[in-house]
Amino acid sequence: HGYRDAGSNKPLPKLYFQGYDTAQEGDDIRMRLLEKNPSVLINMIVACNTIQRDHRVAPVQPEDHGQGGQRLNQRERATRPYHVLFSDQPGFTKVIDLVSSEREYETFMSRDGGIFFSEVLYALEEVFGGEVLTSWPTICEYIEHQTMLRTQERGLRQKPYCAYNVFRSLDDGTVTITTTDYPAGPVNCRLATRKLRKQQKAELRQLRRRHRRETTSLPSREQRRLTIARQRQEVSTMKYVHLQDYQRQAGSCK
């Protein structure tokens, strides 16, 4: 299940597992994966992305009972995969966000995984088989267009989201950076970003200490529950801001 809390402006939904107390922000998971500096990061989320106001019940799981397509069975598979999309570019991370629903849209599930998931498979078939799709932006456009066509035919309210970005990852080599905090010239980028990460961790610790003091002073269980939910949102927002600052710092390396 996926949902959003009221006031959230994040592109990725919150992921509901066993309960609201164990839910995880999609953006937080994405950030943790980015910190590993992978060569290619594909985030595929098949979940609703609508605001959930009643936390007494689990998010809904809309179903699509229409007939699925059979396009995968209609074309022969090629033996040579298309390597360029997944090639390693040292110093960079290619990030592809594939989300079945944009903000304020639901995801309709069916026995074959749903329209969006099927279209992702069809797109990959075009990549590895027909080699028609040759770039990630083209793949995103294809998935979004095909999903919208099929949902409109069914009269379903679902709109996918796909984005492609390239992030500068950390490197052990010597690079040149230019910022207000560091002079231009040959500098190890890892040292430059290490100071930023240390500062960000200190800010998070300070925020959590304030949250603990705030929670212990509350008299009722209901007040504590609501306050903890707000605090989680504040921590998530700070982590997201930290990620943006981290990427800007890494991106300034030339």
Protein backbone atom coordinates (compact mmCIF):
# COMPACT_ATOMS: atom_id res chain seq x y z
CA HIS A 1 0.00 0.00 0.00
CA GLY A 2 1.01 3.59 -0.58
CA TYR A 3 -0.41 6.86 0.70
CA ARG A 4 0.51 10.43 1.61
CA ASP A 5 0.06 12.38 4.83
CA ALA A 6 -1.77 15.69 4.67
CA GLY A 7 0.65 18.52 3.88
CA SER A 8 3.24 16.30 2.19
CA ASN A 9 4.64 17.68 -1.06
CA LYS A 10 7.05 14.84 -1.83
CA PRO A 11 6.86 13.12 -5.22
CA LEU A 12 7.18 9.58 -3.84
CA PRO A 13 4.44 8.03 -1.70
CA LYS A 14 4.76 6.79 1.85
CA LEU A 15 4.90 2.99 1.97
CA TYR A 16 2.55 1.18 4.35
CA PHE A 17 3.86 -2.16 5.60
CA GLN A 18 2.38 -3.67 8.79
CA GLY A 19 0.94 -0.41 10.11
CA TYR A 20 1.23 3.36 10.08
CA ASP A 21 3.84 3.26 12.84
CA THR A 22 6.17 1.24 10.60
CA ALA A 23 5.48 3.17 7.38
CA GLN A 24 8.50 4.44 5.46
CA GLU A 25 8.84 7.53 3.27
CA GLY A 26 9.76 6.54 -0.28
CA ASP A 27 12.08 9.55 -0.39
CA ASP A 28 13.94 8.32 2.72
CA ILE A 29 14.56 4.90 1.18
CA ARG A 30 15.69 6.57 -2.04
CA MET A 31 18.14 8.76 -0.10
CA ARG A 32 19.67 5.78 1.71
CA LEU A 33 20.20 4.01 -1.61
CA LEU A 34 21.76 7.13 -3.16
CA GLU A 35 24.27 7.30 -0.31
CA LYS A 36 25.65 3.95 -1.53
CA ASN A 37 26.71 5.70 -4.78
CA PRO A 38 25.45 3.00 -7.16
CA SER A 39 26.09 3.20 -10.87
CA VAL A 40 22.39 2.84 -11.75
CA LEU A 41 19.49 3.18 -9.32
CA ILE A 42 16.01 2.16 -10.49
CA ASN A 43 13.27 2.92 -7.98
CA MET A 44 10.03 1.20 -8.98
CA ILE A 45 7.07 1.85 -6.69
CA VAL A 46 3.68 0.32 -7.42
CA ALA A 47 1.41 1.98 -4.87
CA CYS A 48 -1.28 4.62 -4.45
CA ASN A 49 -0.10 8.18 -3.80
CA THR A 50 -3.17 9.84 -2.26
CA ILE A 51 -3.63 11.53 1.11
CA GLN A 52 -4.78 9.11 3.83
CA ARG A 53 -6.60 11.02 6.58
CA ASP A 54 -8.00 8.11 8.60
CA HIS A 55 -5.17 6.13 10.19
CA ARG A 56 -7.62 3.77 11.86
CA VAL A 57 -7.89 1.73 8.65
CA ALA A 58 -5.30 0.54 6.15
CA PRO A 59 -5.03 2.37 2.79
CA VAL A 60 -7.31 1.10 0.05
CA GLN A 61 -6.12 -1.21 -2.72
CA PRO A 62 -8.20 -0.44 -5.84
CA GLU A 63 -8.60 -3.34 -8.26
CA ASP A 64 -8.69 -3.38 -12.04
CA HIS A 65 -10.81 -6.25 -13.37
CA GLY A 66 -10.19 -5.52 -17.07
CA GLN A 67 -8.46 -7.85 -19.49
CA GLY A 68 -4.68 -7.58 -19.64
CA GLY A 69 -2.74 -7.17 -22.85
CA GLN A 70 -0.59 -9.89 -24.41
CA ARG A 71 1.99 -7.78 -26.19
CA LEU A 72 4.93 -9.67 -24.69
CA ASN A 73 3.79 -12.85 -26.42
CA GLN A 74 3.45 -11.16 -29.81
CA ARG A 75 7.09 -10.43 -30.54
CA GLU A 76 10.22 -12.52 -30.68
CA ARG A 77 13.01 -11.84 -28.26
CA ALA A 78 16.40 -10.72 -29.51
CA THR A 79 19.51 -12.36 -28.13
CA ARG A 80 21.57 -9.18 -27.72
CA PRO A 81 20.60 -6.92 -24.76
CA TYR A 82 20.96 -3.18 -24.98
CA HIS A 83 23.86 -2.32 -22.68
CA VAL A 84 24.16 1.45 -22.97
CA LEU A 85 21.28 2.28 -20.60
CA PHE A 86 22.92 0.28 -17.81
CA SER A 87 26.55 1.12 -18.55
CA ASP A 88 28.80 2.29 -15.73
CA GLN A 89 29.78 5.96 -15.80
CA PRO A 90 32.42 6.41 -13.06
CA GLY A 91 31.59 9.31 -10.75
CA PHE A 92 27.88 9.41 -11.62
CA THR A 93 24.68 7.70 -10.54
CA LYS A 94 21.85 7.36 -13.04
CA VAL A 95 18.56 7.47 -11.15
CA ILE A 96 15.27 6.32 -12.67
CA ASP A 97 12.13 6.85 -10.56
CA LEU A 98 9.22 4.73 -11.77
CA VAL A 99 6.07 5.39 -9.74
CA SER A 100 2.68 3.94 -10.65
CA SER A 101 0.81 7.03 -9.42
CA GLU A 102 1.64 10.69 -9.33
CA ARG A 103 0.54 12.71 -6.29
CA GLU A 104 -3.20 12.46 -5.53
CA TYR A 105 -3.71 9.46 -7.82
CA GLU A 106 -4.45 5.83 -6.95
CA THR A 107 -2.95 2.64 -8.36
CA PHE A 108 -5.32 -0.04 -9.65
CA MET A 109 -4.01 -3.55 -9.15
CA SER A 110 -4.82 -6.68 -11.14
CA ARG A 111 -3.60 -10.26 -11.20
CA ASP A 112 -0.82 -9.39 -13.67
CA GLY A 113 0.51 -6.58 -11.44
CA GLY A 114 -1.60 -3.78 -12.91
CA ILE A 115 -1.42 -1.60 -16.00
CA PHE A 116 1.64 0.37 -14.92
CA PHE A 117 3.73 -2.67 -13.98
CA SER A 118 2.79 -4.37 -17.25
CA GLU A 119 3.83 -1.28 -19.23
CA VAL A 120 7.20 -1.27 -17.45
CA LEU A 121 7.70 -4.87 -18.62
CA TYR A 122 6.61 -3.96 -22.16
CA ALA A 123 9.07 -1.05 -22.19
CA LEU A 124 11.93 -3.30 -21.08
CA GLU A 125 10.94 -5.78 -23.78
CA GLU A 126 11.34 -2.97 -26.31
CA VAL A 127 14.74 -2.16 -24.81
CA PHE A 128 16.14 -5.70 -24.79
CA GLY A 129 14.22 -7.14 -27.73
CA GLY A 130 13.36 -4.59 -30.39
CA GLU A 131 15.95 -2.03 -29.18
CA VAL A 132 13.52 0.74 -30.15
CA LEU A 133 13.80 2.72 -26.91
CA THR A 134 17.33 4.06 -26.62
CA SER A 135 17.27 6.52 -23.69
CA TRP A 136 15.75 6.69 -20.21
CA PRO A 137 13.69 9.85 -20.97
CA THR A 138 12.22 8.02 -23.98
CA ILE A 139 11.43 5.00 -21.80
CA CYS A 140 9.73 7.25 -19.24
CA GLU A 141 7.65 8.92 -21.91
CA TYR A 142 6.66 5.54 -23.36
CA ILE A 143 5.58 4.12 -19.99
CA GLU A 144 3.60 7.22 -19.06
CA HIS A 145 1.89 7.45 -22.46
CA GLN A 146 0.94 3.77 -22.66
CA THR A 147 -0.31 3.66 -19.08
CA MET A 148 -2.47 6.74 -19.63
CA LEU A 149 -3.93 5.28 -22.82
CA ARG A 150 -4.96 2.05 -21.14
CA THR A 151 -6.32 3.72 -18.00
CA GLN A 152 -8.40 6.11 -20.11
CA GLU A 153 -9.81 3.17 -22.05
CA ARG A 154 -10.87 1.56 -18.75
CA GLY A 155 -12.17 4.80 -17.26
CA LEU A 156 -9.71 4.54 -14.36
CA ARG A 157 -8.22 7.45 -12.47
CA GLN A 158 -4.50 6.65 -12.53
CA LYS A 159 -1.58 8.76 -13.72
CA PRO A 160 2.00 7.43 -13.51
CA TYR A 161 5.18 9.35 -12.74
CA CYS A 162 8.59 8.67 -14.26
CA ALA A 163 11.72 10.78 -13.91
CA TYR A 164 15.34 10.40 -14.95
CA ASN A 165 18.18 12.27 -13.24
CA VAL A 166 21.94 11.98 -13.14
CA PHE A 167 23.66 12.65 -9.80
CA ARG A 168 27.31 13.23 -9.15
CA SER A 169 28.55 10.44 -6.89
CA LEU A 170 31.57 10.56 -4.62
CA ASP A 171 34.88 9.49 -6.03
CA ASP A 172 38.26 8.69 -4.49
CA GLY A 173 40.04 10.61 -7.22
CA THR A 174 41.24 14.20 -7.13
CA VAL A 175 38.75 16.71 -8.49
CA THR A 176 38.32 20.47 -8.56
CA ILE A 177 35.46 22.09 -6.71
CA THR A 178 34.38 25.72 -6.44
CA THR A 179 32.15 26.75 -3.53
CA THR A 180 32.00 29.57 -1.00
CA ASP A 181 33.36 27.27 1.71
CA TYR A 182 36.29 25.80 -0.21
CA PRO A 183 38.81 27.55 -2.46
CA ALA A 184 39.06 26.55 -6.10
CA GLY A 185 41.77 24.09 -6.93
CA PRO A 186 42.58 20.38 -6.66
CA VAL A 187 40.67 19.09 -3.64
CA ASN A 188 39.54 15.65 -2.65
CA CYS A 189 35.76 15.74 -3.10
CA ARG A 190 35.24 13.19 -0.34
CA LEU A 191 36.84 15.49 2.21
CA ALA A 192 34.68 18.39 1.08
CA THR A 193 31.44 16.46 1.44
CA ARG A 194 32.48 14.74 4.67
CA LYS A 195 32.32 18.06 6.50
CA LEU A 196 28.82 18.67 5.16
CA ARG A 197 27.60 15.21 6.19
CA LYS A 198 29.03 15.68 9.69
CA GLN A 199 27.16 18.96 10.04
CA GLN A 200 23.94 17.39 8.78
CA LYS A 201 24.18 14.51 11.26
CA ALA A 202 24.66 17.02 14.08
CA GLU A 203 21.53 18.90 12.96
CA LEU A 204 19.52 15.66 12.96
CA ARG A 205 20.75 14.76 16.46
CA GLN A 206 19.78 18.20 17.72
CA LEU A 207 16.30 17.90 16.16
CA ARG A 208 15.75 14.46 17.72
CA ARG A 209 16.83 15.74 21.16
CA ARG A 210 14.27 18.55 20.88
CA HIS A 211 11.63 16.04 19.85
CA ARG A 212 12.36 13.82 22.88
CA ARG A 213 12.07 16.77 25.27
CA GLU A 214 8.84 17.84 23.59
CA THR A 215 7.29 14.36 23.76
CA THR A 216 8.10 13.70 27.41
CA SER A 217 6.35 16.92 28.46
CA LEU A 218 3.00 15.92 26.93
CA PRO A 219 0.32 14.68 29.37
CA SER A 220 -1.88 12.44 27.21
CA ARG A 221 -1.25 9.45 24.96
CA GLU A 222 -3.24 11.00 22.09
CA GLN A 223 -1.18 14.19 22.17
CA ARG A 224 2.01 12.14 22.11
CA ARG A 225 0.75 10.09 19.16
CA LEU A 226 -0.06 13.20 17.11
CA THR A 227 3.18 14.89 18.09
CA ILE A 228 5.28 11.85 17.13
CA ALA A 229 3.57 11.75 13.71
CA ARG A 230 4.43 15.43 13.17
CA GLN A 231 7.99 14.85 14.37
CA ARG A 232 8.48 12.04 11.86
CA GLN A 233 7.44 14.44 9.12
CA GLU A 234 9.93 17.06 10.36
CA VAL A 235 12.77 14.52 10.39
CA SER A 236 11.83 13.32 6.92
CA THR A 237 11.76 16.89 5.62
CA MET A 238 15.17 17.65 7.11
CA LYS A 239 16.64 14.49 5.55
CA TYR A 240 15.24 15.50 2.17
CA VAL A 241 16.76 19.00 2.47
CA HIS A 242 20.07 17.41 3.52
CA LEU A 243 19.99 15.20 0.43
CA GLN A 244 19.49 18.22 -1.83
CA ASP A 245 22.40 20.04 -0.17
CA TYR A 246 24.53 16.91 -0.43
CA GLN A 247 23.86 16.58 -4.15
CA ARG A 248 24.55 20.28 -4.75
CA GLN A 249 27.86 19.94 -2.93
CA ALA A 250 28.82 16.83 -4.89
CA GLY A 251 27.61 18.44 -8.12
CA SER A 252 29.95 21.39 -7.65
CA CYS A 253 32.92 19.07 -8.22
CA LYS A 254 34.35 19.68 -11.68
